[in-house]
Amino acid sequence: MRIITKELAIKIAEKLNAEIKGRPGAAHDLARVYHKGKRIASFAIRRGSKKDMGHDHVPSDLHIHPHQARLLGQCPMTKEQWLAIMAGKG
C-alpha cells in the first residue's frame, strides 16, 4: 500500500496553495510552495493516469513524516500547522 498516492499529492499541493508547473517532455509536474514570497518547498507530481501511483517522496520533500503528509492531504493538518513544523525546523 502506498502512503502517498497521486490523488493525495494533488490534494496536498492544493492545500498548500502550491504553484504547479508542467514541464514539456517531463514525466512530472513540479509543485512549488511559497510563503511570504519565498519558495520553501517543492515536489514532483507524476503525470501518469494511475491514481495509486506512488508519491512516497512527498513527505521528505516537505520535510515532514509520512504520517504528517497523509494528515495534510486528508485535512486534519492545516497549512498553518505545516508552516509551524517548518519554522520549528528552521
Protein backbone atom coordinates (compact mmCIF):
# COMPACT_ATOMS: atom_id res chain seq x y z
CA MET A 1 0.00 0.00 0.00
CA ARG A 2 1.27 3.42 -0.94
CA ILE A 3 1.48 6.07 1.76
CA ILE A 4 1.03 8.98 -0.65
CA THR A 5 -0.88 8.45 -3.90
CA LYS A 6 -1.09 10.83 -6.84
CA GLU A 7 -4.55 11.88 -5.70
CA LEU A 8 -3.26 12.70 -2.20
CA ALA A 9 -0.22 14.53 -3.61
CA ILE A 10 -2.58 16.76 -5.61
CA LYS A 11 -4.70 17.44 -2.50
CA ILE A 12 -1.54 18.38 -0.58
CA ALA A 13 -0.48 20.75 -3.36
CA GLU A 14 -3.91 22.39 -3.36
CA LYS A 15 -3.97 22.75 0.42
CA LEU A 16 -0.53 24.38 0.42
CA ASN A 17 -1.56 26.68 -2.44
CA ALA A 18 1.32 25.27 -4.46
CA GLU A 19 2.07 26.66 -7.89
CA ILE A 20 2.00 23.66 -10.23
CA LYS A 21 4.08 23.95 -13.38
CA GLY A 22 4.01 21.48 -16.21
CA ARG A 23 7.35 20.86 -17.86
CA PRO A 24 7.29 19.96 -21.56
CA GLY A 25 8.53 16.44 -22.15
CA ALA A 26 8.86 15.68 -18.45
CA ALA A 27 7.05 12.82 -16.73
CA HIS A 28 6.28 15.02 -13.72
CA ASP A 29 4.72 18.36 -12.91
CA LEU A 30 6.50 20.43 -10.28
CA ALA A 31 4.53 21.78 -7.30
CA ARG A 32 6.23 24.76 -5.65
CA VAL A 33 5.13 26.04 -2.25
CA TYR A 34 5.71 29.71 -1.43
CA HIS A 35 5.42 31.58 1.85
CA LYS A 36 5.89 35.34 2.08
CA GLY A 37 7.22 35.37 -1.48
CA LYS A 38 9.91 32.73 -0.91
CA ARG A 39 9.84 29.17 -2.16
CA ILE A 40 10.03 26.95 0.89
CA ALA A 41 9.35 23.52 -0.65
CA SER A 42 8.78 21.77 -3.93
CA PHE A 43 7.80 18.28 -5.01
CA ALA A 44 7.04 16.39 -8.20
CA ILE A 45 3.64 15.01 -9.15
CA ARG A 46 3.72 12.20 -11.69
CA ARG A 47 1.54 12.72 -14.75
CA GLY A 48 0.57 9.07 -15.18
CA SER A 49 -3.12 8.19 -15.21
CA LYS A 50 -2.90 5.67 -12.36
CA LYS A 51 -4.35 7.18 -9.20
CA ASP A 52 -2.46 4.75 -6.97
CA MET A 53 0.96 5.69 -8.33
CA GLY A 54 3.47 6.10 -5.54
CA HIS A 55 4.45 9.59 -4.44
CA ASP A 56 6.28 8.49 -1.33
CA HIS A 57 8.95 11.15 -1.96
CA VAL A 58 6.49 13.91 -0.98
CA PRO A 59 6.97 13.68 2.83
CA SER A 60 10.74 14.09 2.59
CA ASP A 61 10.33 16.91 0.04
CA LEU A 62 8.01 18.68 2.52
CA HIS A 63 10.36 17.90 5.45
CA ILE A 64 7.72 16.01 7.43
CA HIS A 65 6.99 12.41 8.42
CA PRO A 66 4.85 10.24 6.11
CA HIS A 67 2.04 10.23 8.67
CA GLN A 68 2.06 14.04 8.78
CA ALA A 69 1.94 14.22 4.98
CA ARG A 70 -1.07 11.91 4.98
CA LEU A 71 -2.80 14.10 7.58
CA LEU A 72 -2.02 17.16 5.47
CA GLY A 73 -3.69 15.62 2.43
CA GLN A 74 -6.66 14.23 4.35
CA CYS A 75 -7.41 17.55 6.09
CA PRO A 76 -6.69 17.07 9.83
CA MET A 77 -3.50 19.14 9.39
CA THR A 78 -3.76 22.72 8.15
CA LYS A 79 -1.29 24.72 6.11
CA GLU A 80 -0.60 26.83 9.20
CA GLN A 81 0.27 23.72 11.22
CA TRP A 82 2.65 22.58 8.46
CA LEU A 83 4.25 26.04 8.41
CA ALA A 84 4.73 25.81 12.19
CA ILE A 85 6.53 22.47 11.74
CA MET A 86 8.71 24.03 9.04
CA ALA A 87 9.50 27.02 11.25
CA GLY A 88 10.48 24.69 14.08
CA LYS A 89 12.97 23.00 11.78
CA GLY A 90 14.45 26.31 10.69
